[in-house]
């Protein structure tokens, strides 16, 4: 279907083309090109962290983070019930087991339910800042300290939220706040973890022989062309966040009072503007016919075939997943665009 308003759209209005062209003209297009290091340094600085490790995707970033922390077979990692499945898959890729905790009413992991899921096998906690809402990290870090656990922040949807965990992993997919098309990056203040992630990212080559590999590594490297785009995007991050803040405010005002729509709690940064809707699928069909793309909420982990739990209907996450969706959210969405979108939502409920 052809949409007038897509749910997401990248904005490449900075120095992306200049940086990519520079790399091509110099012949530096692989992961050894200078833009990779420049991007890592810029992103680490923006997040007030000592180092950053760029890689091929957000899922790869989570996997690198867990492997660097020593997570492996026999271990457990606490993961939100309400998240994108890549969070759980990264745990499974290491051979460990994801242990799910239901969401609170802001869709983030319910921090009051984490401790009851900790066992002698628990190695780490992976909070996810859902749709740009910052998790309550203080009690999570306190639990980690008490039980000698590590914390990996899944920050795929929250560029602009300051990391506090041992490692934070970001996605740079095309629909994220900043993008490199495909890509990811981890940030940390621990030089040992930084070195380990770099080692694993590049196939774990041994220093004494190019083709000796003492541990399982990955080809998770980011190309210089991707890094060139990501560097230009990082330079614009504050501008993007300010524009998205205005988009959220306009949706808040426009949707307030529409019977049938529940506006969700505010976000620390806006990735996607999420709402709950009565008769959601009919509303989405109405919006699609009017050229407006929407997207359902994540399907909870316990409803996924790999992690299926017959108790899933009792979860808070299941309740929200049944009625939640998000509206077009991207820099460049004007007040007039949003007036049209909100007007079509209002039109649907007035006709019912």
Protein backbone atom coordinates (compact mmCIF):
# COMPACT_ATOMS: atom_id res chain seq x y z
CA UNK A 1 0.00 0.00 0.00
CA UNK A 2 1.17 3.51 -0.81
CA UNK A 3 1.12 5.82 2.21
CA UNK A 4 1.11 9.59 2.37
CA UNK A 5 2.44 9.36 5.92
CA UNK A 6 4.78 6.50 6.75
CA UNK A 7 5.18 5.39 10.33
CA UNK A 8 8.85 6.35 10.15
CA UNK A 9 11.17 8.07 7.72
CA UNK A 10 14.93 8.74 7.98
CA UNK A 11 16.15 12.32 7.66
CA UNK A 12 19.50 12.62 5.85
CA UNK A 13 19.82 16.40 5.76
CA UNK A 14 23.24 16.87 7.32
CA UNK A 15 26.73 15.97 6.10
CA UNK A 16 25.91 12.33 5.31
CA UNK A 17 26.59 12.57 1.58
CA UNK A 18 29.76 14.61 2.15
CA UNK A 19 31.21 12.07 4.58
CA UNK A 20 30.26 9.03 2.47
CA UNK A 21 31.70 10.65 -0.65
CA UNK A 22 34.92 11.44 1.21
CA UNK A 23 35.30 7.79 2.20
CA UNK A 24 34.65 6.54 -1.32
CA UNK A 25 37.06 9.02 -2.88
CA UNK A 26 39.77 7.97 -0.42
CA UNK A 27 39.04 4.28 -1.00
CA UNK A 28 38.17 3.68 2.67
CA UNK A 29 34.90 1.76 2.62
CA UNK A 30 35.58 -1.20 4.94
CA UNK A 31 35.49 -1.29 8.73
CA UNK A 32 39.09 0.03 8.74
CA UNK A 33 38.04 3.42 7.42
CA UNK A 34 38.49 6.53 9.61
CA UNK A 35 34.79 7.33 9.94
CA UNK A 36 34.24 4.28 12.17
CA UNK A 37 36.57 5.62 14.85
CA UNK A 38 35.29 9.18 14.38
CA UNK A 39 31.72 8.01 14.88
CA UNK A 40 32.65 5.96 17.94
CA UNK A 41 34.41 8.92 19.52
CA UNK A 42 31.56 11.32 18.76
CA UNK A 43 28.89 8.96 20.07
CA UNK A 44 30.82 8.14 23.24
CA UNK A 45 31.35 11.84 23.89
CA UNK A 46 27.68 12.64 23.33
CA UNK A 47 26.69 10.01 25.88
CA UNK A 48 29.41 11.08 28.34
CA UNK A 49 30.94 7.60 28.21
CA UNK A 50 34.60 6.76 27.79
CA UNK A 51 34.28 4.56 24.70
CA UNK A 52 31.95 3.19 22.06
CA UNK A 53 32.10 0.12 19.81
CA UNK A 54 30.26 0.34 16.49
CA UNK A 55 28.85 -2.83 14.92
CA UNK A 56 26.50 -4.16 12.29
CA UNK A 57 23.12 -3.97 14.07
CA UNK A 58 21.38 -3.33 17.36
CA UNK A 59 20.97 -7.07 17.83
CA UNK A 60 24.70 -7.51 17.27
CA UNK A 61 25.35 -4.78 19.84
CA UNK A 62 23.30 -6.61 22.48
CA UNK A 63 25.01 -9.90 21.65
CA UNK A 64 28.48 -8.34 21.91
CA UNK A 65 27.56 -6.74 25.24
CA UNK A 66 26.36 -10.03 26.73
CA UNK A 67 29.34 -12.00 25.43
CA UNK A 68 31.78 -9.39 26.74
CA UNK A 69 30.16 -9.76 30.17
CA UNK A 70 30.74 -13.51 30.06
CA UNK A 71 27.11 -14.54 29.58
CA UNK A 72 26.83 -18.04 28.16
CA UNK A 73 25.24 -21.49 28.44
CA UNK A 74 23.70 -22.18 31.82
CA UNK A 75 23.23 -18.50 32.64
CA UNK A 76 19.99 -16.54 32.89
CA UNK A 77 19.37 -12.95 31.86
CA UNK A 78 16.34 -10.99 33.03
CA UNK A 79 14.57 -9.40 30.06
CA UNK A 80 11.33 -7.40 29.78
CA UNK A 81 8.22 -9.26 28.68
CA UNK A 82 7.27 -6.24 26.56
CA UNK A 83 10.06 -5.58 24.07
CA UNK A 84 11.16 -6.27 20.52
CA UNK A 85 12.23 -9.91 20.19
CA UNK A 86 15.86 -8.98 19.43
CA UNK A 87 16.33 -8.35 23.17
CA UNK A 88 15.50 -11.97 23.95
CA UNK A 89 17.25 -13.37 20.88
CA UNK A 90 20.55 -11.78 21.90
CA UNK A 91 20.37 -13.78 25.13
CA UNK A 92 19.49 -16.96 23.28
CA UNK A 93 22.37 -16.43 20.82
CA UNK A 94 24.83 -16.65 23.73
CA UNK A 95 23.35 -19.97 24.88
CA UNK A 96 21.84 -18.37 27.99
CA UNK A 97 18.14 -18.33 28.92
CA UNK A 98 16.00 -15.18 28.92
CA UNK A 99 13.79 -14.86 32.00
CA UNK A 100 10.89 -12.49 31.40
CA UNK A 101 9.45 -9.85 33.72
CA UNK A 102 6.08 -8.21 33.01
CA UNK A 103 5.75 -4.52 32.20
CA UNK A 104 4.47 -1.68 34.35
CA UNK A 105 1.88 0.80 33.11
CA UNK A 106 4.54 2.84 31.27
CA UNK A 107 5.38 -0.32 29.25
CA UNK A 108 8.86 -0.56 30.78
CA UNK A 109 9.95 -3.54 32.87
CA UNK A 110 8.23 -3.57 36.28
CA UNK A 111 11.22 -3.04 38.55
CA UNK A 112 9.22 -4.26 41.58
CA UNK A 113 9.03 -7.74 40.00
CA UNK A 114 12.68 -8.20 39.04
CA UNK A 115 14.06 -9.46 42.34
CA UNK A 116 11.65 -12.41 42.51
CA UNK A 117 13.07 -13.66 39.19
CA UNK A 118 16.71 -13.62 40.33
CA UNK A 119 18.20 -17.10 40.83
CA UNK A 120 21.73 -18.44 41.37
CA UNK A 121 21.96 -18.71 37.56
CA UNK A 122 21.14 -15.05 36.91
CA UNK A 123 24.08 -13.25 35.29
CA UNK A 124 22.61 -9.98 34.04
CA UNK A 125 19.58 -7.72 33.78
CA UNK A 126 18.58 -6.14 30.47
CA UNK A 127 16.18 -3.20 30.90
CA UNK A 128 14.75 -1.69 27.70
CA UNK A 129 13.75 1.98 27.42
CA UNK A 130 10.49 1.33 25.57
CA UNK A 131 9.54 3.87 22.88
CA UNK A 132 11.93 6.37 24.48
CA UNK A 133 10.70 6.13 28.10
CA UNK A 134 13.63 5.81 30.45
CA UNK A 135 13.45 2.83 32.81
CA UNK A 136 13.80 3.53 36.51
CA UNK A 137 17.47 2.59 36.51
CA UNK A 138 18.38 3.38 40.14
CA UNK A 139 16.66 0.33 41.70
CA UNK A 140 17.91 -1.87 38.85
CA UNK A 141 21.51 -0.83 39.47
CA UNK A 142 21.00 -1.32 43.21
CA UNK A 143 19.76 -4.87 42.63
CA UNK A 144 22.72 -5.54 40.35
CA UNK A 145 25.10 -4.36 43.06
CA UNK A 146 23.36 -6.42 45.76
CA UNK A 147 23.36 -9.65 43.74
CA UNK A 148 26.65 -9.07 41.87
CA UNK A 149 24.94 -8.87 38.48
CA UNK A 150 25.78 -6.92 35.34
CA UNK A 151 23.35 -4.61 33.54
CA UNK A 152 22.99 -4.11 29.79
CA UNK A 153 20.72 -1.25 28.79
CA UNK A 154 18.84 -1.97 25.58
CA UNK A 155 18.81 1.62 24.34
CA UNK A 156 17.72 0.81 20.79
CA UNK A 157 14.79 3.23 21.05
CA UNK A 158 16.28 5.88 23.31
CA UNK A 159 19.11 7.87 21.74
CA UNK A 160 19.46 10.88 24.02
CA UNK A 161 18.78 8.99 27.27
CA UNK A 162 22.03 9.03 29.27
CA UNK A 163 23.32 5.46 29.88
CA UNK A 164 24.23 4.35 33.40
CA UNK A 165 24.67 0.58 33.02
CA UNK A 166 27.85 -1.44 32.51
CA UNK A 167 27.09 -1.42 28.77
CA UNK A 168 24.34 0.28 26.77
CA UNK A 169 23.49 -0.98 23.29
CA UNK A 170 21.88 1.20 20.61
CA UNK A 171 20.29 0.38 17.27
CA UNK A 172 20.96 2.47 14.17
CA UNK A 173 18.29 0.89 11.98
CA UNK A 174 16.55 3.20 9.49
CA UNK A 175 13.53 3.82 11.75
CA UNK A 176 15.54 4.85 14.81
CA UNK A 177 16.13 8.39 16.11
CA UNK A 178 19.48 8.39 14.31
CA UNK A 179 20.45 5.86 11.69
CA UNK A 180 23.18 4.37 9.54
CA UNK A 181 20.66 2.29 7.57
CA UNK A 182 21.71 -0.85 9.40
CA UNK A 183 23.99 -0.72 12.39
CA UNK A 184 24.44 -0.62 16.14
CA UNK A 185 26.80 0.68 18.79
CA UNK A 186 27.68 -0.12 22.42
CA UNK A 187 28.95 2.39 24.97
CA UNK A 188 30.80 1.65 28.21
CA UNK A 189 33.10 3.20 30.79
CA UNK A 190 34.99 -0.07 31.30
CA UNK A 191 38.16 -0.40 29.17
CA UNK A 192 38.22 -4.18 29.62
CA UNK A 193 34.68 -4.52 28.27
CA UNK A 194 35.51 -2.13 25.44
CA UNK A 195 38.51 -4.24 24.42
CA UNK A 196 36.55 -7.47 24.65
CA UNK A 197 33.72 -6.16 22.45
CA UNK A 198 36.22 -4.95 19.84
CA UNK A 199 37.91 -8.35 19.90
CA UNK A 200 34.67 -10.28 19.49
CA UNK A 201 33.30 -7.90 16.84
CA UNK A 202 36.23 -8.55 14.49
CA UNK A 203 36.24 -12.38 14.49
CA UNK A 204 38.41 -12.66 17.60
CA UNK A 205 41.71 -12.74 15.73
CA UNK A 206 44.66 -13.59 17.97
CA UNK A 207 47.43 -10.97 18.19
CA UNK A 208 50.17 -13.51 17.47
CA UNK A 209 48.61 -15.01 14.30
CA UNK A 210 46.07 -13.54 11.89
CA UNK A 211 44.16 -16.78 11.52
CA UNK A 212 44.27 -18.19 15.03
CA UNK A 213 40.97 -17.83 16.92
CA UNK A 214 40.95 -18.90 20.56
CA UNK A 215 37.28 -18.08 21.11
CA UNK A 216 34.09 -17.79 19.11
CA UNK A 217 33.98 -14.37 17.47
CA UNK A 218 31.69 -12.62 15.03
CA UNK A 219 31.85 -10.58 11.88
CA UNK A 220 29.81 -7.77 13.42
CA UNK A 221 31.88 -4.93 11.96
CA UNK A 222 30.41 -1.64 10.71
CA UNK A 223 31.54 -0.36 7.33
CA UNK A 224 33.08 3.08 6.92
CA UNK A 225 30.15 4.11 4.71
CA UNK A 226 27.66 3.28 7.44
CA UNK A 227 29.80 5.05 10.02
CA UNK A 228 29.99 8.13 7.81
CA UNK A 229 26.20 8.36 7.83
CA UNK A 230 26.04 7.66 11.57
CA UNK A 231 28.61 10.37 12.29
CA UNK A 232 26.59 12.97 10.41
CA UNK A 233 23.45 11.80 12.20
CA UNK A 234 25.12 12.11 15.62
CA UNK A 235 25.99 15.70 14.80
CA UNK A 236 22.25 16.37 14.37
CA UNK A 237 20.97 14.37 17.33
CA UNK A 238 20.07 17.33 19.53
CA UNK A 239 18.21 18.94 16.63
CA UNK A 240 16.31 15.71 15.96
CA UNK A 241 15.37 15.35 19.62
CA UNK A 242 14.07 18.91 19.81
CA UNK A 243 11.93 18.40 16.70
CA UNK A 244 10.56 15.13 18.07
CA UNK A 245 9.69 16.83 21.37
CA UNK A 246 7.52 19.26 19.42
CA UNK A 247 5.88 16.38 17.55
CA UNK A 248 5.01 14.68 20.85
CA UNK A 249 3.52 17.90 22.24
CA UNK A 250 1.33 18.39 19.16
CA UNK A 251 0.04 14.83 19.34
CA UNK A 252 -0.61 15.19 23.08
CA UNK A 253 -2.70 18.29 22.48
CA UNK A 254 -4.51 17.01 19.40
CA UNK A 255 -5.45 13.57 20.76
CA UNK A 256 -6.50 14.77 24.22
CA UNK A 257 -10.19 14.27 24.76
CA UNK A 258 -10.83 11.92 21.83
CA UNK A 259 -13.09 9.25 23.29
CA UNK A 260 -11.62 5.87 22.39
CA UNK A 261 -7.98 6.99 22.51
CA UNK A 262 -5.77 6.74 25.60
CA UNK A 263 -2.63 8.85 25.44
CA UNK A 264 0.33 7.03 27.01
CA UNK A 265 2.70 8.53 29.64
CA UNK A 266 5.28 11.07 28.46
CA UNK A 267 8.58 9.92 27.01
CA UNK A 268 12.07 11.12 27.93
CA UNK A 269 12.84 11.15 24.21
CA UNK A 270 10.36 10.45 21.43
CA UNK A 271 11.06 7.43 19.29
CA UNK A 272 7.48 6.46 18.40
CA UNK A 273 4.27 8.13 19.55
CA UNK A 274 2.28 5.32 21.13
CA UNK A 275 -1.40 5.24 22.11
CA UNK A 276 -4.07 2.76 23.16
CA UNK A 277 -7.18 2.56 21.01
CA UNK A 278 -10.61 1.02 21.22
CA UNK A 279 -11.41 -1.05 18.11
CA UNK A 280 -7.77 -0.72 17.13
CA UNK A 281 -7.78 -2.76 13.94
CA UNK A 282 -10.78 -0.95 12.46
CA UNK A 283 -9.11 2.37 13.29
CA UNK A 284 -5.85 1.25 11.66
CA UNK A 285 -7.74 0.18 8.54
CA UNK A 286 -9.48 3.58 8.43
CA UNK A 287 -6.17 5.40 8.77
CA UNK A 288 -4.52 3.21 6.13
CA UNK A 289 -7.32 4.05 3.69
CA UNK A 290 -6.55 7.73 4.35
CA UNK A 291 -2.84 7.24 3.58
CA UNK A 292 -1.63 6.97 7.18
CA UNK A 293 0.62 4.05 8.13
CA UNK A 294 0.54 2.78 11.71
CA UNK A 295 2.22 -0.06 13.59
CA UNK A 296 0.95 -2.35 16.35
CA UNK A 297 2.76 -2.62 19.68
CA UNK A 298 5.34 -5.34 20.18
CA UNK A 299 3.97 -8.83 20.70
CA UNK A 300 4.95 -9.94 24.24
CA UNK A 301 7.74 -12.49 24.52
CA UNK A 302 5.52 -15.14 26.10
CA UNK A 303 3.32 -15.09 22.99
CA UNK A 304 6.29 -15.80 20.73
CA UNK A 305 6.64 -19.41 19.50
CA UNK A 306 10.22 -19.72 20.82
CA UNK A 307 9.30 -18.55 24.32
CA UNK A 308 5.62 -19.45 24.51
CA UNK A 309 4.02 -19.48 27.96
CA UNK A 310 0.34 -20.48 28.23
CA UNK A 311 -0.03 -18.03 31.10
CA UNK A 312 0.53 -15.06 28.77
CA UNK A 313 -3.11 -13.80 28.86
CA UNK A 314 -2.64 -12.87 32.53
CA UNK A 315 0.19 -10.45 31.75
CA UNK A 316 -0.03 -6.69 31.86
CA UNK A 317 1.97 -6.75 28.63
CA UNK A 318 -0.76 -8.76 26.90
CA UNK A 319 -3.38 -6.16 27.82
CA UNK A 320 -1.37 -3.33 26.31
CA UNK A 321 -0.30 -5.29 23.26
CA UNK A 322 -3.95 -5.98 22.41
CA UNK A 323 -4.89 -2.32 21.98
CA UNK A 324 -1.67 -0.37 21.48
CA UNK A 325 -0.24 1.08 18.28
CA UNK A 326 1.87 4.02 17.19
CA UNK A 327 1.33 6.87 14.77
CA UNK A 328 3.70 8.35 12.17
CA UNK A 329 6.69 9.77 14.03
CA UNK A 330 9.61 11.33 12.21
CA UNK A 331 11.47 14.61 11.90
CA UNK A 332 9.82 16.65 9.16
CA UNK A 333 6.27 15.86 10.27
CA UNK A 334 4.66 19.32 10.29
CA UNK A 335 1.87 20.74 12.42
CA UNK A 336 -0.40 20.54 9.35
CA UNK A 337 0.54 16.89 8.81
CA UNK A 338 -0.32 16.06 12.41
CA UNK A 339 -3.56 18.01 12.22
CA UNK A 340 -4.56 15.81 9.28
CA UNK A 341 -3.58 12.59 11.08
CA UNK A 342 -5.32 13.54 14.33
CA UNK A 343 -8.36 14.67 12.35
CA UNK A 344 -8.68 11.24 10.75
CA UNK A 345 -8.46 9.58 14.18
CA UNK A 346 -11.20 11.88 15.48
CA UNK A 347 -13.27 11.24 12.35
CA UNK A 348 -13.21 7.48 12.95
CA UNK A 349 -14.59 7.71 16.48
CA UNK A 350 -17.19 10.32 15.56
CA UNK A 351 -18.59 7.99 12.88
CA UNK A 352 -18.88 4.97 15.16
